[in-house]
Amino acid sequence: MNKDHNLWQGDEENPIWTEDDFKKAQPAQEVLPKDFFEGMKRSRGQRGKQKAPTKQQVTLRLDPEVVDYFKSETPDGWQTRLNQALKNYIHEHPI
């Protein structure tokens, strides 16, 4: 970001609100349809449904060395790296 960028400067799509704008504002519950809020409800820790599921959940038992290897770089994303390694194997060893 440019150091000279003024964060308080408005733009056409996102103008700075005036006191009058704040006075006219209404709570979201009064403006948006009830369906919107029903769709937003979920249990604590629950993710929403995937729009188009792209992966299949499976249970897989692996040797500790395999898990340690994929977690060694960083614990975050180890399943993605394992998935990519399996994809590479499939590509290199077609049936």
PDB file of N, CA and C in Angstrom:
ATOM      1  N   MET A   1       0.853  -1.179   0.000  1.00  0.00           N
ATOM      2  CA  MET A   1       0.000   0.000   0.000  1.00  0.00           C
ATOM      3  C   MET A   1       0.892   1.232   0.000  1.00  0.00           C
ATOM      4  N   ASN A   2       0.503   2.204  -0.744  1.00  0.00           N
ATOM      5  CA  ASN A   2       1.239   3.452  -0.824  1.00  0.00           C
ATOM      6  C   ASN A   2       1.204   4.158   0.533  1.00  0.00           C
ATOM      7  N   LYS A   3       2.360   4.628   0.995  1.00  0.00           N
ATOM      8  CA  LYS A   3       2.441   5.298   2.300  1.00  0.00           C
ATOM      9  C   LYS A   3       1.584   6.555   2.339  1.00  0.00           C
ATOM     10  N   ASP A   4       1.415   7.187   1.188  1.00  0.00           N
ATOM     11  CA  ASP A   4       0.670   8.443   1.125  1.00  0.00           C
ATOM     12  C   ASP A   4      -0.838   8.220   1.036  1.00  0.00           C
ATOM     13  N   HIS A   5      -1.262   6.951   0.999  1.00  0.00           N
ATOM     14  CA  HIS A   5      -2.685   6.648   0.865  1.00  0.00           C
ATOM     15  C   HIS A   5      -3.414   7.111   2.129  1.00  0.00           C
ATOM     16  N   ASN A   6      -4.426   7.903   1.939  1.00  0.00           N
ATOM     17  CA  ASN A   6      -5.207   8.419   3.054  1.00  0.00           C
ATOM     18  C   ASN A   6      -6.356   7.464   3.337  1.00  0.00           C
ATOM     19  N   LEU A   7      -6.328   6.771   4.471  1.00  0.00           N
ATOM     20  CA  LEU A   7      -7.361   5.800   4.811  1.00  0.00           C
ATOM     21  C   LEU A   7      -8.716   6.452   5.051  1.00  0.00           C
ATOM     22  N   TRP A   8      -8.743   7.726   5.322  1.00  0.00           N
ATOM     23  CA  TRP A   8      -9.995   8.415   5.592  1.00  0.00           C
ATOM     24  C   TRP A   8     -10.616   8.992   4.332  1.00  0.00           C
ATOM     25  N   GLN A   9      -9.949   8.827   3.222  1.00  0.00           N
ATOM     26  CA  GLN A   9     -10.467   9.354   1.969  1.00  0.00           C
ATOM     27  C   GLN A   9     -11.503   8.375   1.417  1.00  0.00           C
ATOM     28  N   GLY A  10     -12.683   8.834   1.114  1.00  0.00           N
ATOM     29  CA  GLY A  10     -13.726   7.964   0.590  1.00  0.00           C
ATOM     30  C   GLY A  10     -13.550   7.712  -0.898  1.00  0.00           C
ATOM     31  N   ASP A  11     -14.377   6.846  -1.428  1.00  0.00           N
ATOM     32  CA  ASP A  11     -14.410   6.639  -2.869  1.00  0.00           C
ATOM     33  C   ASP A  11     -15.864   6.497  -3.287  1.00  0.00           C
ATOM     34  N   GLU A  12     -16.111   6.427  -4.588  1.00  0.00           N
ATOM     35  CA  GLU A  12     -17.489   6.410  -5.084  1.00  0.00           C
ATOM     36  C   GLU A  12     -18.266   5.188  -4.609  1.00  0.00           C
ATOM     37  N   GLU A  13     -17.617   4.025  -4.563  1.00  0.00           N
ATOM     38  CA  GLU A  13     -18.305   2.797  -4.194  1.00  0.00           C
ATOM     39  C   GLU A  13     -18.444   2.641  -2.678  1.00  0.00           C
ATOM     40  N   ASN A  14     -17.601   3.326  -1.924  1.00  0.00           N
ATOM     41  CA  ASN A  14     -17.610   3.185  -0.480  1.00  0.00           C
ATOM     42  C   ASN A  14     -17.393   4.549   0.164  1.00  0.00           C
ATOM     43  N   PRO A  15     -18.397   5.411   0.078  1.00  0.00           N
ATOM     44  CA  PRO A  15     -18.216   6.763   0.624  1.00  0.00           C
ATOM     45  C   PRO A  15     -18.149   6.752   2.150  1.00  0.00           C
ATOM     46  N   ILE A  16     -17.529   7.763   2.685  1.00  0.00           N
ATOM     47  CA  ILE A  16     -17.462   7.917   4.141  1.00  0.00           C
ATOM     48  C   ILE A  16     -18.837   8.324   4.648  1.00  0.00           C
ATOM     49  N   TRP A  17     -19.298   7.657   5.710  1.00  0.00           N
ATOM     50  CA  TRP A  17     -20.610   7.946   6.254  1.00  0.00           C
ATOM     51  C   TRP A  17     -20.611   9.277   7.014  1.00  0.00           C
ATOM     52  N   THR A  18     -21.718   9.984   6.848  1.00  0.00           N
ATOM     53  CA  THR A  18     -21.918  11.226   7.586  1.00  0.00           C
ATOM     54  C   THR A  18     -22.808  10.930   8.792  1.00  0.00           C
ATOM     55  N   GLU A  19     -22.971  11.915   9.660  1.00  0.00           N
ATOM     56  CA  GLU A  19     -23.867  11.725  10.808  1.00  0.00           C
ATOM     57  C   GLU A  19     -25.278  11.423  10.335  1.00  0.00           C
ATOM     58  N   ASP A  20     -25.697  12.056   9.242  1.00  0.00           N
ATOM     59  CA  ASP A  20     -27.031  11.827   8.688  1.00  0.00           C
ATOM     60  C   ASP A  20     -27.180  10.370   8.212  1.00  0.00           C
ATOM     61  N   ASP A  21     -26.120   9.813   7.597  1.00  0.00           N
ATOM     62  CA  ASP A  21     -26.152   8.414   7.156  1.00  0.00           C
ATOM     63  C   ASP A  21     -26.356   7.488   8.360  1.00  0.00           C
ATOM     64  N   PHE A  22     -25.648   7.756   9.443  1.00  0.00           N
ATOM     65  CA  PHE A  22     -25.785   6.929  10.644  1.00  0.00           C
ATOM     66  C   PHE A  22     -27.194   7.031  11.228  1.00  0.00           C
ATOM     67  N   LYS A  23     -27.798   8.212  11.182  1.00  0.00           N
ATOM     68  CA  LYS A  23     -29.156   8.392  11.714  1.00  0.00           C
ATOM     69  C   LYS A  23     -30.176   7.618  10.885  1.00  0.00           C
ATOM     70  N   LYS A  24     -29.948   7.527   9.561  1.00  0.00           N
ATOM     71  CA  LYS A  24     -30.872   6.828   8.662  1.00  0.00           C
ATOM     72  C   LYS A  24     -30.683   5.306   8.701  1.00  0.00           C
ATOM     73  N   ALA A  25     -29.551   4.845   9.205  1.00  0.00           N
ATOM     74  CA  ALA A  25     -29.240   3.415   9.187  1.00  0.00           C
ATOM     75  C   ALA A  25     -30.251   2.625  10.013  1.00  0.00           C
ATOM     76  N   GLN A  26     -30.536   1.392   9.562  1.00  0.00           N
ATOM     77  CA  GLN A  26     -31.471   0.514  10.246  1.00  0.00           C
ATOM     78  C   GLN A  26     -30.769  -0.789  10.597  1.00  0.00           C
ATOM     79  N   PRO A  27     -31.210  -1.481  11.640  1.00  0.00           N
ATOM     80  CA  PRO A  27     -30.617  -2.776  11.979  1.00  0.00           C
ATOM     81  C   PRO A  27     -30.824  -3.776  10.838  1.00  0.00           C
ATOM     82  N   ALA A  28     -29.870  -4.642  10.657  1.00  0.00           N
ATOM     83  CA  ALA A  28     -29.938  -5.630   9.584  1.00  0.00           C
ATOM     84  C   ALA A  28     -31.204  -6.475   9.694  1.00  0.00           C
ATOM     85  N   GLN A  29     -31.647  -6.785  10.919  1.00  0.00           N
ATOM     86  CA  GLN A  29     -32.838  -7.616  11.114  1.00  0.00           C
ATOM     87  C   GLN A  29     -34.092  -6.954  10.541  1.00  0.00           C
ATOM     88  N   GLU A  30     -34.074  -5.635  10.434  1.00  0.00           N
ATOM     89  CA  GLU A  30     -35.236  -4.920   9.901  1.00  0.00           C
ATOM     90  C   GLU A  30     -35.170  -4.778   8.383  1.00  0.00           C
ATOM     91  N   VAL A  31     -34.020  -4.989   7.809  1.00  0.00           N
ATOM     92  CA  VAL A  31     -33.841  -4.732   6.379  1.00  0.00           C
ATOM     93  C   VAL A  31     -33.721  -6.025   5.569  1.00  0.00           C
ATOM     94  N   LEU A  32     -33.000  -6.996   6.083  1.00  0.00           N
ATOM     95  CA  LEU A  32     -32.755  -8.233   5.351  1.00  0.00           C
ATOM     96  C   LEU A  32     -33.858  -9.255   5.618  1.00  0.00           C
ATOM     97  N   PRO A  33     -34.111 -10.161   4.659  1.00  0.00           N
ATOM     98  CA  PRO A  33     -35.163 -11.175   4.865  1.00  0.00           C
ATOM     99  C   PRO A  33     -34.787 -12.166   5.969  1.00  0.00           C
ATOM    100  N   LYS A  34     -35.805 -12.728   6.622  1.00  0.00           N
ATOM    101  CA  LYS A  34     -35.576 -13.677   7.717  1.00  0.00           C
ATOM    102  C   LYS A  34     -34.813 -14.906   7.232  1.00  0.00           C
ATOM    103  N   ASP A  35     -35.017 -15.303   5.957  1.00  0.00           N
ATOM    104  CA  ASP A  35     -34.315 -16.460   5.397  1.00  0.00           C
ATOM    105  C   ASP A  35     -32.802 -16.277   5.500  1.00  0.00           C
ATOM    106  N   PHE A  36     -32.356 -15.057   5.343  1.00  0.00           N
ATOM    107  CA  PHE A  36     -30.927 -14.759   5.404  1.00  0.00           C
ATOM    108  C   PHE A  36     -30.363 -15.181   6.758  1.00  0.00           C
ATOM    109  N   PHE A  37     -31.049 -14.825   7.819  1.00  0.00           N
ATOM    110  CA  PHE A  37     -30.564 -15.124   9.162  1.00  0.00           C
ATOM    111  C   PHE A  37     -30.706 -16.603   9.495  1.00  0.00           C
ATOM    112  N   GLU A  38     -31.745 -17.262   8.962  1.00  0.00           N
ATOM    113  CA  GLU A  38     -31.895 -18.702   9.168  1.00  0.00           C
ATOM    114  C   GLU A  38     -30.725 -19.442   8.530  1.00  0.00           C
ATOM    115  N   GLY A  39     -30.315 -18.977   7.362  1.00  0.00           N
ATOM    116  CA  GLY A  39     -29.191 -19.597   6.671  1.00  0.00           C
ATOM    117  C   GLY A  39     -27.870 -19.382   7.375  1.00  0.00           C
ATOM    118  N   MET A  40     -27.793 -18.354   8.195  1.00  0.00           N
ATOM    119  CA  MET A  40     -26.561 -18.030   8.897  1.00  0.00           C
ATOM    120  C   MET A  40     -26.405 -18.822  10.193  1.00  0.00           C
ATOM    121  N   LYS A  41     -27.493 -19.427  10.675  1.00  0.00           N
ATOM    122  CA  LYS A  41     -27.434 -20.163  11.935  1.00  0.00           C
ATOM    123  C   LYS A  41     -26.678 -21.469  11.755  1.00  0.00           C
ATOM    124  N   ARG A  42     -25.854 -21.781  12.701  1.00  0.00           N
ATOM    125  CA  ARG A  42     -25.164 -23.068  12.726  1.00  0.00           C
ATOM    126  C   ARG A  42     -24.652 -23.304  14.129  1.00  0.00           C
ATOM    127  N   SER A  43     -24.367 -24.540  14.418  1.00  0.00           N
ATOM    128  CA  SER A  43     -23.881 -24.885  15.748  1.00  0.00           C
ATOM    129  C   SER A  43     -22.433 -24.449  15.903  1.00  0.00           C
ATOM    130  N   ARG A  44     -22.016 -24.281  17.115  1.00  0.00           N
ATOM    131  CA  ARG A  44     -20.640 -23.896  17.382  1.00  0.00           C
ATOM    132  C   ARG A  44     -19.688 -24.944  16.803  1.00  0.00           C
ATOM    133  N   GLY A  45     -18.721 -24.493  16.042  1.00  0.00           N
ATOM    134  CA  GLY A  45     -17.730 -25.382  15.460  1.00  0.00           C
ATOM    135  C   GLY A  45     -18.194 -26.090  14.199  1.00  0.00           C
ATOM    136  N   GLN A  46     -19.418 -25.838  13.781  1.00  0.00           N
ATOM    137  CA  GLN A  46     -19.958 -26.504  12.598  1.00  0.00           C
ATOM    138  C   GLN A  46     -19.696 -25.650  11.360  1.00  0.00           C
ATOM    139  N   ARG A  47     -19.171 -26.292  10.333  1.00  0.00           N
ATOM    140  CA  ARG A  47     -18.980 -25.590   9.075  1.00  0.00           C
ATOM    141  C   ARG A  47     -20.234 -25.756   8.239  1.00  0.00           C
ATOM    142  N   GLY A  48     -20.433 -24.841   7.338  1.00  0.00           N
ATOM    143  CA  GLY A  48     -21.562 -24.949   6.434  1.00  0.00           C
ATOM    144  C   GLY A  48     -21.328 -26.046   5.408  1.00  0.00           C
ATOM    145  N   LYS A  49     -22.394 -26.456   4.734  1.00  0.00           N
ATOM    146  CA  LYS A  49     -22.271 -27.475   3.715  1.00  0.00           C
ATOM    147  C   LYS A  49     -21.483 -26.923   2.540  1.00  0.00           C
ATOM    148  N   GLN A  50     -20.698 -27.781   1.918  1.00  0.00           N
ATOM    149  CA  GLN A  50     -19.992 -27.376   0.712  1.00  0.00           C
ATOM    150  C   GLN A  50     -21.016 -27.216  -0.394  1.00  0.00           C
ATOM    151  N   LYS A  51     -20.845 -26.169  -1.196  1.00  0.00           N
ATOM    152  CA  LYS A  51     -21.762 -25.956  -2.310  1.00  0.00           C
ATOM    153  C   LYS A  51     -21.642 -27.093  -3.306  1.00  0.00           C
ATOM    154  N   ALA A  52     -20.412 -27.474  -3.584  1.00  0.00           N
ATOM    155  CA  ALA A  52     -20.152 -28.591  -4.497  1.00  0.00           C
ATOM    156  C   ALA A  52     -19.021 -29.402  -3.886  1.00  0.00           C
ATOM    157  N   PRO A  53     -19.353 -30.434  -3.091  1.00  0.00           N
ATOM    158  CA  PRO A  53     -18.289 -31.213  -2.444  1.00  0.00           C
ATOM    159  C   PRO A  53     -17.274 -31.717  -3.464  1.00  0.00           C
ATOM    160  N   THR A  54     -16.014 -31.442  -3.190  1.00  0.00           N
ATOM    161  CA  THR A  54     -14.960 -31.828  -4.118  1.00  0.00           C
ATOM    162  C   THR A  54     -14.085 -32.932  -3.560  1.00  0.00           C
ATOM    163  N   LYS A  55     -14.201 -33.195  -2.284  1.00  0.00           N
ATOM    164  CA  LYS A  55     -13.381 -34.227  -1.662  1.00  0.00           C
ATOM    165  C   LYS A  55     -14.261 -35.191  -0.884  1.00  0.00           C
ATOM    166  N   GLN A  56     -13.723 -36.363  -0.655  1.00  0.00           N
ATOM    167  CA  GLN A  56     -14.444 -37.402   0.067  1.00  0.00           C
ATOM    168  C   GLN A  56     -13.703 -37.688   1.363  1.00  0.00           C
ATOM    169  N   GLN A  57     -14.426 -37.687   2.464  1.00  0.00           N
ATOM    170  CA  GLN A  57     -13.799 -37.964   3.751  1.00  0.00           C
ATOM    171  C   GLN A  57     -13.634 -39.467   3.910  1.00  0.00           C
ATOM    172  N   VAL A  58     -12.425 -39.880   4.292  1.00  0.00           N
ATOM    173  CA  VAL A  58     -12.135 -41.297   4.528  1.00  0.00           C
ATOM    174  C   VAL A  58     -11.319 -41.424   5.804  1.00  0.00           C
ATOM    175  N   THR A  59     -11.291 -42.627   6.350  1.00  0.00           N
ATOM    176  CA  THR A  59     -10.424 -42.933   7.478  1.00  0.00           C
ATOM    177  C   THR A  59      -9.269 -43.743   6.924  1.00  0.00           C
ATOM    178  N   LEU A  60      -8.067 -43.357   7.274  1.00  0.00           N
ATOM    179  CA  LEU A  60      -6.880 -43.983   6.716  1.00  0.00           C
ATOM    180  C   LEU A  60      -5.849 -44.151   7.816  1.00  0.00           C
ATOM    181  N   ARG A  61      -5.316 -45.346   7.961  1.00  0.00           N
ATOM    182  CA  ARG A  61      -4.286 -45.600   8.968  1.00  0.00           C
ATOM    183  C   ARG A  61      -2.938 -45.556   8.272  1.00  0.00           C
ATOM    184  N   LEU A  62      -2.053 -44.702   8.761  1.00  0.00           N
ATOM    185  CA  LEU A  62      -0.734 -44.523   8.165  1.00  0.00           C
ATOM    186  C   LEU A  62       0.357 -44.819   9.188  1.00  0.00           C
ATOM    187  N   ASP A  63       1.519 -45.231   8.691  1.00  0.00           N
ATOM    188  CA  ASP A  63       2.667 -45.412   9.576  1.00  0.00           C
ATOM    189  C   ASP A  63       3.067 -44.062  10.157  1.00  0.00           C
ATOM    190  N   PRO A  64       3.552 -44.059  11.404  1.00  0.00           N
ATOM    191  CA  PRO A  64       3.963 -42.799  12.027  1.00  0.00           C
ATOM    192  C   PRO A  64       5.014 -42.045  11.207  1.00  0.00           C
ATOM    193  N   GLU A  65       5.913 -42.781  10.539  1.00  0.00           N
ATOM    194  CA  GLU A  65       6.963 -42.115   9.750  1.00  0.00           C
ATOM    195  C   GLU A  65       6.355 -41.309   8.607  1.00  0.00           C
ATOM    196  N   VAL A  66       5.275 -41.832   8.021  1.00  0.00           N
ATOM    197  CA  VAL A  66       4.626 -41.130   6.907  1.00  0.00           C
ATOM    198  C   VAL A  66       4.010 -39.829   7.416  1.00  0.00           C
ATOM    199  N   VAL A  67       3.282 -39.915   8.511  1.00  0.00           N
ATOM    200  CA  VAL A  67       2.645 -38.724   9.082  1.00  0.00           C
ATOM    201  C   VAL A  67       3.718 -37.726   9.513  1.00  0.00           C
ATOM    202  N   ASP A  68       4.770 -38.195  10.186  1.00  0.00           N
ATOM    203  CA  ASP A  68       5.852 -37.304  10.633  1.00  0.00           C
ATOM    204  C   ASP A  68       6.505 -36.592   9.456  1.00  0.00           C
ATOM    205  N   TYR A  69       6.690 -37.331   8.361  1.00  0.00           N
ATOM    206  CA  TYR A  69       7.315 -36.733   7.175  1.00  0.00           C
ATOM    207  C   TYR A  69       6.484 -35.562   6.661  1.00  0.00           C
ATOM    208  N   PHE A  70       5.184 -35.773   6.496  1.00  0.00           N
ATOM    209  CA  PHE A  70       4.340 -34.719   5.936  1.00  0.00           C
ATOM    210  C   PHE A  70       4.072 -33.588   6.926  1.00  0.00           C
ATOM    211  N   LYS A  71       4.212 -33.857   8.223  1.00  0.00           N
ATOM    212  CA  LYS A  71       4.053 -32.800   9.225  1.00  0.00           C
ATOM    213  C   LYS A  71       5.357 -32.071   9.514  1.00  0.00           C
ATOM    214  N   SER A  72       6.493 -32.622   9.048  1.00  0.00           N
ATOM    215  CA  SER A  72       7.799 -32.063   9.416  1.00  0.00           C
ATOM    216  C   SER A  72       8.015 -30.658   8.875  1.00  0.00           C
ATOM    217  N   GLU A  73       7.539 -30.372   7.677  1.00  0.00           N
ATOM    218  CA  GLU A  73       7.733 -29.031   7.100  1.00  0.00           C
ATOM    219  C   GLU A  73       6.972 -28.000   7.921  1.00  0.00           C
ATOM    220  N   THR A  74       5.708 -28.278   8.123  1.00  0.00           N
ATOM    221  CA  THR A  74       4.842 -27.469   8.973  1.00  0.00           C
ATOM    222  C   THR A  74       3.589 -28.296   9.244  1.00  0.00           C
ATOM    223  N   PRO A  75       3.076 -28.289  10.467  1.00  0.00           N
ATOM    224  CA  PRO A  75       1.896 -29.111  10.766  1.00  0.00           C
ATOM    225  C   PRO A  75       0.661 -28.682   9.966  1.00  0.00           C
ATOM    226  N   ASP A  76       0.596 -27.398   9.604  1.00  0.00           N
ATOM    227  CA  ASP A  76      -0.552 -26.921   8.835  1.00  0.00           C
ATOM    228  C   ASP A  76      -0.425 -27.369   7.392  1.00  0.00           C
ATOM    229  N   GLY A  77      -1.479 -27.938   6.859  1.00  0.00           N
ATOM    230  CA  GLY A  77      -1.505 -28.310   5.457  1.00  0.00           C
ATOM    231  C   GLY A  77      -0.896 -29.659   5.146  1.00  0.00           C
ATOM    232  N   TRP A  78      -0.599 -30.467   6.158  1.00  0.00           N
ATOM    233  CA  TRP A  78       0.051 -31.750   5.881  1.00  0.00           C
ATOM    234  C   TRP A  78      -0.871 -32.682   5.100  1.00  0.00           C
ATOM    235  N   GLN A  79      -2.176 -32.619   5.332  1.00  0.00           N
ATOM    236  CA  GLN A  79      -3.098 -33.472   4.598  1.00  0.00           C
ATOM    237  C   GLN A  79      -3.168 -33.049   3.127  1.00  0.00           C
ATOM    238  N   THR A  80      -3.087 -31.762   2.882  1.00  0.00           N
ATOM    239  CA  THR A  80      -3.077 -31.272   1.499  1.00  0.00           C
ATOM    240  C   THR A  80      -1.821 -31.744   0.783  1.00  0.00           C
ATOM    241  N   ARG A  81      -0.678 -31.695   1.474  1.00  0.00           N
ATOM    242  CA  ARG A  81       0.575 -32.167   0.857  1.00  0.00           C
ATOM    243  C   ARG A  81       0.520 -33.666   0.593  1.00  0.00           C
ATOM    244  N   LEU A  82      -0.052 -34.432   1.511  1.00  0.00           N
ATOM    245  CA  LEU A  82      -0.195 -35.869   1.313  1.00  0.00           C
ATOM    246  C   LEU A  82      -1.113 -36.136   0.118  1.00  0.00           C
ATOM    247  N   ASN A  83      -2.195 -35.402   0.018  1.00  0.00           N
ATOM    248  CA  ASN A  83      -3.119 -35.546  -1.103  1.00  0.00           C
ATOM    249  C   ASN A  83      -2.402 -35.267  -2.423  1.00  0.00           C
ATOM    250  N   GLN A  84      -1.582 -34.215  -2.453  1.00  0.00           N
ATOM    251  CA  GLN A  84      -0.848 -33.867  -3.672  1.00  0.00           C
ATOM    252  C   GLN A  84       0.170 -34.955  -4.014  1.00  0.00           C
ATOM    253  N   ALA A  85       0.833 -35.518  -3.024  1.00  0.00           N
ATOM    254  CA  ALA A  85       1.796 -36.594  -3.269  1.00  0.00           C
ATOM    255  C   ALA A  85       1.093 -37.810  -3.870  1.00  0.00           C
ATOM    256  N   LEU A  86      -0.096 -38.122  -3.382  1.00  0.00           N
ATOM    257  CA  LEU A  86      -0.855 -39.243  -3.929  1.00  0.00           C
ATOM    258  C   LEU A  86      -1.304 -38.958  -5.365  1.00  0.00           C
ATOM    259  N   LYS A  87      -1.699 -37.714  -5.631  1.00  0.00           N
ATOM    260  CA  LYS A  87      -2.059 -37.340  -7.004  1.00  0.00           C
ATOM    261  C   LYS A  87      -0.861 -37.495  -7.939  1.00  0.00           C
ATOM    262  N   ASN A  88       0.314 -37.059  -7.475  1.00  0.00           N
ATOM    263  CA  ASN A  88       1.528 -37.192  -8.290  1.00  0.00           C
ATOM    264  C   ASN A  88       1.825 -38.661  -8.566  1.00  0.00           C
ATOM    265  N   TYR A  89       1.653 -39.500  -7.556  1.00  0.00           N
ATOM    266  CA  TYR A  89       1.895 -40.934  -7.721  1.00  0.00           C
ATOM    267  C   TYR A  89       0.962 -41.507  -8.790  1.00  0.00           C
ATOM    268  N   ILE A  90      -0.310 -41.129  -8.731  1.00  0.00           N
ATOM    269  CA  ILE A  90      -1.287 -41.618  -9.706  1.00  0.00           C
ATOM    270  C   ILE A  90      -0.888 -41.186 -11.114  1.00  0.00           C
ATOM    271  N   HIS A  91      -0.451 -39.921 -11.228  1.00  0.00           N
ATOM    272  CA  HIS A  91      -0.051 -39.389 -12.534  1.00  0.00           C
ATOM    273  C   HIS A  91       1.171 -40.139 -13.073  1.00  0.00           C
ATOM    274  N   GLU A  92       2.118 -40.462 -12.199  1.00  0.00           N
ATOM    275  CA  GLU A  92       3.357 -41.124 -12.611  1.00  0.00           C
ATOM    276  C   GLU A  92       3.191 -42.636 -12.795  1.00  0.00           C
ATOM    277  N   HIS A  93       2.154 -43.224 -12.190  1.00  0.00           N
ATOM    278  CA  HIS A  93       1.933 -44.668 -12.256  1.00  0.00           C
ATOM    279  C   HIS A  93       0.504 -44.973 -12.701  1.00  0.00           C
ATOM    280  N   PRO A  94       0.180 -44.660 -13.944  1.00  0.00           N
ATOM    281  CA  PRO A  94      -1.194 -44.930 -14.406  1.00  0.00           C
ATOM    282  C   PRO A  94      -1.499 -46.426 -14.415  1.00  0.00           C
ATOM    283  N   ILE A  95      -2.727 -46.756 -14.169  1.00  0.00           N
ATOM    284  CA  ILE A  95      -3.136 -48.172 -14.149  1.00  0.00           C
ATOM    285  C   ILE A  95      -3.368 -48.659 -15.574  1.00  0.00           C
TER     286      ILE A  95
END
